[in-house]
Amino acid sequence: MRRKHRANQNNLDPQAERGRGLAEGLELPRDVSCGVVIVTVTGRRALVLENYRGIVSYDDDCIVIQTRDCKVTVCGCRLKVDYYTNEEMKIVGLIHQISYEV
């Protein structure tokens, strides 16, 4: 099973391979250099998303955010975007569920 895993790592697209090499060379965390989504949850009341692309839909019960690799859906009650910048956004309210759709 290990061989299969290693074989899949060698089949990365050229851009992902360059990002990995750059991250290793500069000793940066891979999440920073590759632009993957970072989700930080504080209890059931707050969530910070980093490296997002945009808001797909927004209402009191459900917020859908597009990232580079997937859509992140946050469901709950009285949800709102507390703030957002080009790099991150904070969602507050009573969070019931977080899901990822590829």
PDB file of N, CA and C in Angstrom:
ATOM      1  N   MET A   1       0.814  -1.183   0.000  1.00  0.00           N
ATOM      2  CA  MET A   1       0.000   0.000   0.000  1.00  0.00           C
ATOM      3  C   MET A   1       0.865   1.257   0.000  1.00  0.00           C
ATOM      4  N   ARG A   2       2.002   1.228   0.637  1.00  0.00           N
ATOM      5  CA  ARG A   2       2.890   2.377   0.642  1.00  0.00           C
ATOM      6  C   ARG A   2       3.371   2.722  -0.754  1.00  0.00           C
ATOM      7  N   ARG A   3       3.665   1.729  -1.551  1.00  0.00           N
ATOM      8  CA  ARG A   3       4.149   1.985  -2.905  1.00  0.00           C
ATOM      9  C   ARG A   3       3.113   2.735  -3.721  1.00  0.00           C
ATOM     10  N   LYS A   4       1.852   2.355  -3.559  1.00  0.00           N
ATOM     11  CA  LYS A   4       0.796   3.028  -4.295  1.00  0.00           C
ATOM     12  C   LYS A   4       0.722   4.494  -3.894  1.00  0.00           C
ATOM     13  N   HIS A   5       0.841   4.772  -2.617  1.00  0.00           N
ATOM     14  CA  HIS A   5       0.804   6.149  -2.122  1.00  0.00           C
ATOM     15  C   HIS A   5       1.962   6.963  -2.691  1.00  0.00           C
ATOM     16  N   ARG A   6       3.136   6.399  -2.697  1.00  0.00           N
ATOM     17  CA  ARG A   6       4.302   7.103  -3.235  1.00  0.00           C
ATOM     18  C   ARG A   6       4.165   7.325  -4.731  1.00  0.00           C
ATOM     19  N   ALA A   7       3.620   6.371  -5.425  1.00  0.00           N
ATOM     20  CA  ALA A   7       3.447   6.521  -6.866  1.00  0.00           C
ATOM     21  C   ALA A   7       2.507   7.674  -7.166  1.00  0.00           C
ATOM     22  N   ASN A   8       1.445   7.843  -6.390  1.00  0.00           N
ATOM     23  CA  ASN A   8       0.513   8.941  -6.600  1.00  0.00           C
ATOM     24  C   ASN A   8       1.165  10.287  -6.338  1.00  0.00           C
ATOM     25  N   GLN A   9       2.080  10.365  -5.393  1.00  0.00           N
ATOM     26  CA  GLN A   9       2.766  11.622  -5.115  1.00  0.00           C
ATOM     27  C   GLN A   9       3.650  12.032  -6.286  1.00  0.00           C
ATOM     28  N   ASN A  10       4.202  11.089  -6.994  1.00  0.00           N
ATOM     29  CA  ASN A  10       5.077  11.397  -8.115  1.00  0.00           C
ATOM     30  C   ASN A  10       4.307  11.864  -9.342  1.00  0.00           C
ATOM     31  N   ASN A  11       2.996  11.695  -9.363  1.00  0.00           N
ATOM     32  CA  ASN A  11       2.180  12.078 -10.503  1.00  0.00           C
ATOM     33  C   ASN A  11       1.514  13.436 -10.308  1.00  0.00           C
ATOM     34  N   LEU A  12       2.076  14.322  -9.494  1.00  0.00           N
ATOM     35  CA  LEU A  12       1.526  15.652  -9.294  1.00  0.00           C
ATOM     36  C   LEU A  12       1.680  16.471 -10.562  1.00  0.00           C
ATOM     37  N   ASP A  13       0.762  17.420 -10.762  1.00  0.00           N
ATOM     38  CA  ASP A  13       0.901  18.282 -11.932  1.00  0.00           C
ATOM     39  C   ASP A  13       2.126  19.183 -11.758  1.00  0.00           C
ATOM     40  N   PRO A  14       2.663  19.709 -12.839  1.00  0.00           N
ATOM     41  CA  PRO A  14       3.904  20.497 -12.760  1.00  0.00           C
ATOM     42  C   PRO A  14       3.799  21.702 -11.828  1.00  0.00           C
ATOM     43  N   GLN A  15       2.651  22.377 -11.819  1.00  0.00           N
ATOM     44  CA  GLN A  15       2.501  23.541 -10.946  1.00  0.00           C
ATOM     45  C   GLN A  15       2.550  23.133  -9.473  1.00  0.00           C
ATOM     46  N   ALA A  16       1.878  22.051  -9.118  1.00  0.00           N
ATOM     47  CA  ALA A  16       1.908  21.565  -7.738  1.00  0.00           C
ATOM     48  C   ALA A  16       3.318  21.130  -7.354  1.00  0.00           C
ATOM     49  N   GLU A  17       4.025  20.516  -8.296  1.00  0.00           N
ATOM     50  CA  GLU A  17       5.401  20.074  -8.045  1.00  0.00           C
ATOM     51  C   GLU A  17       6.323  21.267  -7.788  1.00  0.00           C
ATOM     52  N   ARG A  18       6.169  22.341  -8.580  1.00  0.00           N
ATOM     53  CA  ARG A  18       6.966  23.559  -8.367  1.00  0.00           C
ATOM     54  C   ARG A  18       6.652  24.166  -7.005  1.00  0.00           C
ATOM     55  N   GLY A  19       5.368  24.203  -6.646  1.00  0.00           N
ATOM     56  CA  GLY A  19       4.975  24.752  -5.347  1.00  0.00           C
ATOM     57  C   GLY A  19       5.573  23.964  -4.206  1.00  0.00           C
ATOM     58  N   ARG A  20       5.579  22.654  -4.345  1.00  0.00           N
ATOM     59  CA  ARG A  20       6.169  21.802  -3.310  1.00  0.00           C
ATOM     60  C   ARG A  20       7.666  22.044  -3.203  1.00  0.00           C
ATOM     61  N   GLY A  21       8.343  22.148  -4.345  1.00  0.00           N
ATOM     62  CA  GLY A  21       9.781  22.402  -4.338  1.00  0.00           C
ATOM     63  C   GLY A  21      10.110  23.756  -3.746  1.00  0.00           C
ATOM     64  N   LEU A  22       9.315  24.762  -4.065  1.00  0.00           N
ATOM     65  CA  LEU A  22       9.524  26.098  -3.516  1.00  0.00           C
ATOM     66  C   LEU A  22       9.322  26.100  -2.007  1.00  0.00           C
ATOM     67  N   ALA A  23       8.274  25.438  -1.553  1.00  0.00           N
ATOM     68  CA  ALA A  23       7.992  25.375  -0.113  1.00  0.00           C
ATOM     69  C   ALA A  23       9.130  24.699   0.634  1.00  0.00           C
ATOM     70  N   GLU A  24       9.659  23.622   0.065  1.00  0.00           N
ATOM     71  CA  GLU A  24      10.770  22.924   0.717  1.00  0.00           C
ATOM     72  C   GLU A  24      12.034  23.768   0.701  1.00  0.00           C
ATOM     73  N   GLY A  25      12.298  24.439  -0.414  1.00  0.00           N
ATOM     74  CA  GLY A  25      13.504  25.247  -0.538  1.00  0.00           C
ATOM     75  C   GLY A  25      13.516  26.442   0.409  1.00  0.00           C
ATOM     76  N   LEU A  26      12.367  27.075   0.573  1.00  0.00           N
ATOM     77  CA  LEU A  26      12.267  28.240   1.459  1.00  0.00           C
ATOM     78  C   LEU A  26      11.859  27.859   2.878  1.00  0.00           C
ATOM     79  N   GLU A  27      11.628  26.567   3.093  1.00  0.00           N
ATOM     80  CA  GLU A  27      11.188  26.041   4.381  1.00  0.00           C
ATOM     81  C   GLU A  27       9.879  26.686   4.837  1.00  0.00           C
ATOM     82  N   LEU A  28       8.965  26.909   3.875  1.00  0.00           N
ATOM     83  CA  LEU A  28       7.637  27.440   4.179  1.00  0.00           C
ATOM     84  C   LEU A  28       6.671  26.288   4.412  1.00  0.00           C
ATOM     85  N   PRO A  29       5.644  26.507   5.233  1.00  0.00           N
ATOM     86  CA  PRO A  29       4.605  25.481   5.359  1.00  0.00           C
ATOM     87  C   PRO A  29       3.932  25.272   4.008  1.00  0.00           C
ATOM     88  N   ARG A  30       3.587  24.050   3.679  1.00  0.00           N
ATOM     89  CA  ARG A  30       2.993  23.737   2.379  1.00  0.00           C
ATOM     90  C   ARG A  30       1.667  24.436   2.174  1.00  0.00           C
ATOM     91  N   ASP A  31       0.879  24.636   3.257  1.00  0.00           N
ATOM     92  CA  ASP A  31      -0.417  25.283   3.094  1.00  0.00           C
ATOM     93  C   ASP A  31      -0.264  26.727   2.633  1.00  0.00           C
ATOM     94  N   VAL A  32       0.785  27.404   3.059  1.00  0.00           N
ATOM     95  CA  VAL A  32       1.022  28.787   2.661  1.00  0.00           C
ATOM     96  C   VAL A  32       1.453  28.859   1.207  1.00  0.00           C
ATOM     97  N   SER A  33       2.392  28.029   0.812  1.00  0.00           N
ATOM     98  CA  SER A  33       2.954  28.119  -0.529  1.00  0.00           C
ATOM     99  C   SER A  33       2.023  27.575  -1.606  1.00  0.00           C
ATOM    100  N   CYS A  34       1.179  26.628  -1.276  1.00  0.00           N
ATOM    101  CA  CYS A  34       0.309  26.014  -2.283  1.00  0.00           C
ATOM    102  C   CYS A  34      -1.081  26.637  -2.320  1.00  0.00           C
ATOM    103  N   GLY A  35      -1.411  27.510  -1.393  1.00  0.00           N
ATOM    104  CA  GLY A  35      -2.696  28.197  -1.407  1.00  0.00           C
ATOM    105  C   GLY A  35      -3.881  27.335  -1.031  1.00  0.00           C
ATOM    106  N   VAL A  36      -3.681  26.281  -0.263  1.00  0.00           N
ATOM    107  CA  VAL A  36      -4.808  25.452   0.151  1.00  0.00           C
ATOM    108  C   VAL A  36      -5.626  26.179   1.210  1.00  0.00           C
ATOM    109  N   VAL A  37      -6.886  25.803   1.303  1.00  0.00           N
ATOM    110  CA  VAL A  37      -7.769  26.437   2.275  1.00  0.00           C
ATOM    111  C   VAL A  37      -7.368  26.027   3.698  1.00  0.00           C
ATOM    112  N   ILE A  38      -7.413  26.999   4.602  1.00  0.00           N
ATOM    113  CA  ILE A  38      -7.159  26.740   6.016  1.00  0.00           C
ATOM    114  C   ILE A  38      -8.413  27.137   6.766  1.00  0.00           C
ATOM    115  N   VAL A  39      -8.980  26.210   7.511  1.00  0.00           N
ATOM    116  CA  VAL A  39     -10.197  26.460   8.271  1.00  0.00           C
ATOM    117  C   VAL A  39      -9.854  26.357   9.747  1.00  0.00           C
ATOM    118  N   THR A  40     -10.069  27.444  10.485  1.00  0.00           N
ATOM    119  CA  THR A  40      -9.814  27.477  11.921  1.00  0.00           C
ATOM    120  C   THR A  40     -11.147  27.694  12.622  1.00  0.00           C
ATOM    121  N   VAL A  41     -11.546  26.730  13.434  1.00  0.00           N
ATOM    122  CA  VAL A  41     -12.830  26.789  14.115  1.00  0.00           C
ATOM    123  C   VAL A  41     -12.599  27.033  15.599  1.00  0.00           C
ATOM    124  N   THR A  42     -13.328  27.992  16.145  1.00  0.00           N
ATOM    125  CA  THR A  42     -13.253  28.292  17.566  1.00  0.00           C
ATOM    126  C   THR A  42     -14.602  27.932  18.178  1.00  0.00           C
ATOM    127  N   GLY A  43     -14.636  26.780  18.835  1.00  0.00           N
ATOM    128  CA  GLY A  43     -15.902  26.315  19.413  1.00  0.00           C
ATOM    129  C   GLY A  43     -16.952  26.132  18.337  1.00  0.00           C
ATOM    130  N   ARG A  44     -18.198  26.501  18.658  1.00  0.00           N
ATOM    131  CA  ARG A  44     -19.291  26.425  17.688  1.00  0.00           C
ATOM    132  C   ARG A  44     -19.736  27.811  17.246  1.00  0.00           C
ATOM    133  N   ARG A  45     -18.972  28.836  17.628  1.00  0.00           N
ATOM    134  CA  ARG A  45     -19.422  30.212  17.392  1.00  0.00           C
ATOM    135  C   ARG A  45     -18.638  30.985  16.342  1.00  0.00           C
ATOM    136  N   ALA A  46     -17.466  30.523  15.945  1.00  0.00           N
ATOM    137  CA  ALA A  46     -16.664  31.292  14.987  1.00  0.00           C
ATOM    138  C   ALA A  46     -15.806  30.375  14.125  1.00  0.00           C
ATOM    139  N   LEU A  47     -15.582  30.824  12.887  1.00  0.00           N
ATOM    140  CA  LEU A  47     -14.776  30.077  11.926  1.00  0.00           C
ATOM    141  C   LEU A  47     -14.022  31.085  11.069  1.00  0.00           C
ATOM    142  N   VAL A  48     -12.733  30.868  10.868  1.00  0.00           N
ATOM    143  CA  VAL A  48     -11.925  31.719   9.998  1.00  0.00           C
ATOM    144  C   VAL A  48     -11.435  30.864   8.833  1.00  0.00           C
ATOM    145  N   LEU A  49     -11.694  31.347   7.616  1.00  0.00           N
ATOM    146  CA  LEU A  49     -11.232  30.675   6.397  1.00  0.00           C
ATOM    147  C   LEU A  49     -10.129  31.513   5.786  1.00  0.00           C
ATOM    148  N   GLU A  50      -9.018  30.863   5.463  1.00  0.00           N
ATOM    149  CA  GLU A  50      -7.930  31.528   4.769  1.00  0.00           C
ATOM    150  C   GLU A  50      -7.786  30.925   3.382  1.00  0.00           C
ATOM    151  N   ASN A  51      -7.340  31.718   2.438  1.00  0.00           N
ATOM    152  CA  ASN A  51      -7.116  31.292   1.057  1.00  0.00           C
ATOM    153  C   ASN A  51      -8.413  30.907   0.346  1.00  0.00           C
ATOM    154  N   TYR A  52      -9.410  31.767   0.415  1.00  0.00           N
ATOM    155  CA  TYR A  52     -10.660  31.517  -0.295  1.00  0.00           C
ATOM    156  C   TYR A  52     -10.694  32.357  -1.563  1.00  0.00           C
ATOM    157  N   ARG A  53     -11.612  32.007  -2.468  1.00  0.00           N
ATOM    158  CA  ARG A  53     -11.745  32.760  -3.727  1.00  0.00           C
ATOM    159  C   ARG A  53     -12.960  33.668  -3.743  1.00  0.00           C
ATOM    160  N   GLY A  54     -14.062  33.237  -3.136  1.00  0.00           N
ATOM    161  CA  GLY A  54     -15.271  34.056  -3.153  1.00  0.00           C
ATOM    162  C   GLY A  54     -16.425  33.390  -2.457  1.00  0.00           C
ATOM    163  N   ILE A  55     -17.488  34.162  -2.251  1.00  0.00           N
ATOM    164  CA  ILE A  55     -18.707  33.650  -1.622  1.00  0.00           C
ATOM    165  C   ILE A  55     -19.660  33.224  -2.727  1.00  0.00           C
ATOM    166  N   VAL A  56     -20.102  31.972  -2.689  1.00  0.00           N
ATOM    167  CA  VAL A  56     -21.019  31.432  -3.689  1.00  0.00           C
ATOM    168  C   VAL A  56     -22.454  31.776  -3.306  1.00  0.00           C
ATOM    169  N   SER A  57     -22.831  31.533  -2.047  1.00  0.00           N
ATOM    170  CA  SER A  57     -24.168  31.887  -1.559  1.00  0.00           C
ATOM    171  C   SER A  57     -24.086  32.231  -0.078  1.00  0.00           C
ATOM    172  N   TYR A  58     -25.070  33.017   0.369  1.00  0.00           N
ATOM    173  CA  TYR A  58     -25.017  33.559   1.726  1.00  0.00           C
ATOM    174  C   TYR A  58     -26.430  33.774   2.231  1.00  0.00           C
ATOM    175  N   ASP A  59     -26.778  33.122   3.324  1.00  0.00           N
ATOM    176  CA  ASP A  59     -28.003  33.452   4.054  1.00  0.00           C
ATOM    177  C   ASP A  59     -27.807  33.106   5.525  1.00  0.00           C
ATOM    178  N   ASP A  60     -28.834  33.295   6.345  1.00  0.00           N
ATOM    179  CA  ASP A  60     -28.722  33.106   7.799  1.00  0.00           C
ATOM    180  C   ASP A  60     -28.366  31.681   8.199  1.00  0.00           C
ATOM    181  N   ASP A  61     -28.750  30.712   7.359  1.00  0.00           N
ATOM    182  CA  ASP A  61     -28.596  29.304   7.720  1.00  0.00           C
ATOM    183  C   ASP A  61     -27.433  28.604   7.022  1.00  0.00           C
ATOM    184  N   CYS A  62     -26.933  29.177   5.932  1.00  0.00           N
ATOM    185  CA  CYS A  62     -25.915  28.471   5.146  1.00  0.00           C
ATOM    186  C   CYS A  62     -25.074  29.464   4.349  1.00  0.00           C
ATOM    187  N   ILE A  63     -23.762  29.316   4.442  1.00  0.00           N
ATOM    188  CA  ILE A  63     -22.832  30.126   3.660  1.00  0.00           C
ATOM    189  C   ILE A  63     -21.925  29.169   2.893  1.00  0.00           C
ATOM    190  N   VAL A  64     -21.835  29.375   1.572  1.00  0.00           N
ATOM    191  CA  VAL A  64     -20.997  28.520   0.723  1.00  0.00           C
ATOM    192  C   VAL A  64     -19.858  29.381   0.179  1.00  0.00           C
ATOM    193  N   ILE A  65     -18.624  28.909   0.372  1.00  0.00           N
ATOM    194  CA  ILE A  65     -17.431  29.637  -0.030  1.00  0.00           C
ATOM    195  C   ILE A  65     -16.649  28.800  -1.028  1.00  0.00           C
ATOM    196  N   GLN A  66     -16.239  29.426  -2.132  1.00  0.00           N
ATOM    197  CA  GLN A  66     -15.411  28.752  -3.132  1.00  0.00           C
ATOM    198  C   GLN A  66     -13.945  28.934  -2.758  1.00  0.00           C
ATOM    199  N   THR A  67     -13.202  27.824  -2.742  1.00  0.00           N
ATOM    200  CA  THR A  67     -11.760  27.868  -2.531  1.00  0.00           C
ATOM    201  C   THR A  67     -11.097  27.390  -3.822  1.00  0.00           C
ATOM    202  N   ARG A  68      -9.804  27.282  -3.813  1.00  0.00           N
ATOM    203  CA  ARG A  68      -9.093  26.824  -5.010  1.00  0.00           C
ATOM    204  C   ARG A  68      -9.461  25.391  -5.370  1.00  0.00           C
ATOM    205  N   ASP A  69      -9.601  24.534  -4.364  1.00  0.00           N
ATOM    206  CA  ASP A  69      -9.798  23.108  -4.601  1.00  0.00           C
ATOM    207  C   ASP A  69     -11.216  22.610  -4.392  1.00  0.00           C
ATOM    208  N   CYS A  70     -12.031  23.351  -3.634  1.00  0.00           N
ATOM    209  CA  CYS A  70     -13.347  22.831  -3.279  1.00  0.00           C
ATOM    210  C   CYS A  70     -14.271  23.963  -2.850  1.00  0.00           C
ATOM    211  N   LYS A  71     -15.513  23.587  -2.538  1.00  0.00           N
ATOM    212  CA  LYS A  71     -16.456  24.509  -1.921  1.00  0.00           C
ATOM    213  C   LYS A  71     -16.584  24.114  -0.458  1.00  0.00           C
ATOM    214  N   VAL A  72     -16.563  25.103   0.423  1.00  0.00           N
ATOM    215  CA  VAL A  72     -16.749  24.873   1.854  1.00  0.00           C
ATOM    216  C   VAL A  72     -18.130  25.407   2.210  1.00  0.00           C
ATOM    217  N   THR A  73     -18.965  24.549   2.797  1.00  0.00           N
ATOM    218  CA  THR A  73     -20.311  24.942   3.194  1.00  0.00           C
ATOM    219  C   THR A  73     -20.385  24.967   4.706  1.00  0.00           C
ATOM    220  N   VAL A  74     -20.841  26.085   5.256  1.00  0.00           N
ATOM    221  CA  VAL A  74     -21.010  26.248   6.699  1.00  0.00           C
ATOM    222  C   VAL A  74     -22.502  26.400   6.949  1.00  0.00           C
ATOM    223  N   CYS A  75     -23.070  25.487   7.743  1.00  0.00           N
ATOM    224  CA  CYS A  75     -24.499  25.532   8.059  1.00  0.00           C
ATOM    225  C   CYS A  75     -24.680  25.777   9.547  1.00  0.00           C
ATOM    226  N   GLY A  76     -25.745  26.493   9.894  1.00  0.00           N
ATOM    227  CA  GLY A  76     -26.020  26.788  11.290  1.00  0.00           C
ATOM    228  C   GLY A  76     -27.171  27.766  11.432  1.00  0.00           C
ATOM    229  N   CYS A  77     -27.141  28.551  12.503  1.00  0.00           N
ATOM    230  CA  CYS A  77     -28.191  29.537  12.782  1.00  0.00           C
ATOM    231  C   CYS A  77     -27.552  30.913  12.953  1.00  0.00           C
ATOM    232  N   ARG A  78     -28.243  31.911  12.459  1.00  0.00           N
ATOM    233  CA  ARG A  78     -27.806  33.309  12.600  1.00  0.00           C
ATOM    234  C   ARG A  78     -26.362  33.506  12.126  1.00  0.00           C
ATOM    235  N   LEU A  79     -26.020  32.878  11.024  1.00  0.00           N
ATOM    236  CA  LEU A  79     -24.668  33.002  10.477  1.00  0.00           C
ATOM    237  C   LEU A  79     -24.504  34.347   9.791  1.00  0.00           C
ATOM    238  N   LYS A  80     -23.314  34.926   9.922  1.00  0.00           N
ATOM    239  CA  LYS A  80     -22.989  36.147   9.188  1.00  0.00           C
ATOM    240  C   LYS A  80     -21.477  36.222   9.008  1.00  0.00           C
ATOM    241  N   VAL A  81     -21.076  36.927   7.972  1.00  0.00           N
ATOM    242  CA  VAL A  81     -19.654  37.178   7.747  1.00  0.00           C
ATOM    243  C   VAL A  81     -19.296  38.382   8.599  1.00  0.00           C
ATOM    244  N   ASP A  82     -18.474  38.164   9.600  1.00  0.00           N
ATOM    245  CA  ASP A  82     -18.070  39.217  10.528  1.00  0.00           C
ATOM    246  C   ASP A  82     -17.125  40.194   9.847  1.00  0.00           C
ATOM    247  N   TYR A  83     -16.158  39.663   9.084  1.00  0.00           N
ATOM    248  CA  TYR A  83     -15.262  40.494   8.276  1.00  0.00           C
ATOM    249  C   TYR A  83     -14.655  39.632   7.187  1.00  0.00           C
ATOM    250  N   TYR A  84     -14.139  40.284   6.155  1.00  0.00           N
ATOM    251  CA  TYR A  84     -13.383  39.562   5.135  1.00  0.00           C
ATOM    252  C   TYR A  84     -12.337  40.482   4.523  1.00  0.00           C
ATOM    253  N   THR A  85     -11.225  39.896   4.137  1.00  0.00           N
ATOM    254  CA  THR A  85     -10.150  40.577   3.422  1.00  0.00           C
ATOM    255  C   THR A  85      -9.867  39.742   2.177  1.00  0.00           C
ATOM    256  N   ASN A  86      -8.853  40.102   1.441  1.00  0.00           N
ATOM    257  CA  ASN A  86      -8.478  39.301   0.268  1.00  0.00           C
ATOM    258  C   ASN A  86      -7.971  37.922   0.650  1.00  0.00           C
ATOM    259  N   GLU A  87      -7.463  37.760   1.873  1.00  0.00           N
ATOM    260  CA  GLU A  87      -6.870  36.493   2.286  1.00  0.00           C
ATOM    261  C   GLU A  87      -7.748  35.660   3.207  1.00  0.00           C
ATOM    262  N   GLU A  88      -8.579  36.294   4.035  1.00  0.00           N
ATOM    263  CA  GLU A  88      -9.347  35.514   5.010  1.00  0.00           C
ATOM    264  C   GLU A  88     -10.711  36.121   5.271  1.00  0.00           C
ATOM    265  N   MET A  89     -11.581  35.306   5.839  1.00  0.00           N
ATOM    266  CA  MET A  89     -12.908  35.744   6.232  1.00  0.00           C
ATOM    267  C   MET A  89     -13.286  35.063   7.542  1.00  0.00           C
ATOM    268  N   LYS A  90     -14.064  35.773   8.365  1.00  0.00           N
ATOM    269  CA  LYS A  90     -14.535  35.211   9.625  1.00  0.00           C
ATOM    270  C   LYS A  90     -16.045  35.105   9.578  1.00  0.00           C
ATOM    271  N   ILE A  91     -16.546  33.923   9.885  1.00  0.00           N
ATOM    272  CA  ILE A  91     -17.979  33.658   9.952  1.00  0.00           C
ATOM    273  C   ILE A  91     -18.329  33.422  11.406  1.00  0.00           C
ATOM    274  N   VAL A  92     -19.379  34.098  11.876  1.00  0.00           N
ATOM    275  CA  VAL A  92     -19.836  33.926  13.256  1.00  0.00           C
ATOM    276  C   VAL A  92     -21.298  33.516  13.256  1.00  0.00           C
ATOM    277  N   GLY A  93     -21.733  32.947  14.361  1.00  0.00           N
ATOM    278  CA  GLY A  93     -23.090  32.434  14.536  1.00  0.00           C
ATOM    279  C   GLY A  93     -23.000  31.091  15.232  1.00  0.00           C
ATOM    280  N   LEU A  94     -24.090  30.366  15.237  1.00  0.00           N
ATOM    281  CA  LEU A  94     -24.097  29.028  15.830  1.00  0.00           C
ATOM    282  C   LEU A  94     -23.861  28.018  14.707  1.00  0.00           C
ATOM    283  N   ILE A  95     -22.654  27.447  14.671  1.00  0.00           N
ATOM    284  CA  ILE A  95     -22.264  26.544  13.588  1.00  0.00           C
ATOM    285  C   ILE A  95     -22.683  25.113  13.909  1.00  0.00           C
ATOM    286  N   HIS A  96     -23.443  24.513  12.993  1.00  0.00           N
ATOM    287  CA  HIS A  96     -23.889  23.122  13.169  1.00  0.00           C
ATOM    288  C   HIS A  96     -23.054  22.144  12.348  1.00  0.00           C
ATOM    289  N   GLN A  97     -22.634  22.595  11.148  1.00  0.00           N
ATOM    290  CA  GLN A  97     -21.961  21.658  10.239  1.00  0.00           C
ATOM    291  C   GLN A  97     -21.037  22.412   9.297  1.00  0.00           C
ATOM    292  N   ILE A  98     -19.902  21.787   8.997  1.00  0.00           N
ATOM    293  CA  ILE A  98     -18.961  22.278   7.988  1.00  0.00           C
ATOM    294  C   ILE A  98     -18.718  21.121   7.027  1.00  0.00           C
ATOM    295  N   SER A  99     -18.908  21.376   5.738  1.00  0.00           N
ATOM    296  CA  SER A  99     -18.677  20.301   4.766  1.00  0.00           C
ATOM    297  C   SER A  99     -17.874  20.821   3.591  1.00  0.00           C
ATOM    298  N   TYR A 100     -17.213  19.884   2.905  1.00  0.00           N
ATOM    299  CA  TYR A 100     -16.351  20.191   1.781  1.00  0.00           C
ATOM    300  C   TYR A 100     -16.864  19.437   0.565  1.00  0.00           C
ATOM    301  N   GLU A 101     -16.993  20.136  -0.555  1.00  0.00           N
ATOM    302  CA  GLU A 101     -17.452  19.513  -1.798  1.00  0.00           C
ATOM    303  C   GLU A 101     -16.387  19.711  -2.863  1.00  0.00           C
ATOM    304  N   VAL A 102     -15.912  18.620  -3.422  1.00  0.00           N
ATOM    305  CA  VAL A 102     -14.866  18.697  -4.441  1.00  0.00           C
ATOM    306  C   VAL A 102     -15.493  18.959  -5.781  1.00  0.00           C
TER     307      VAL A 102
END
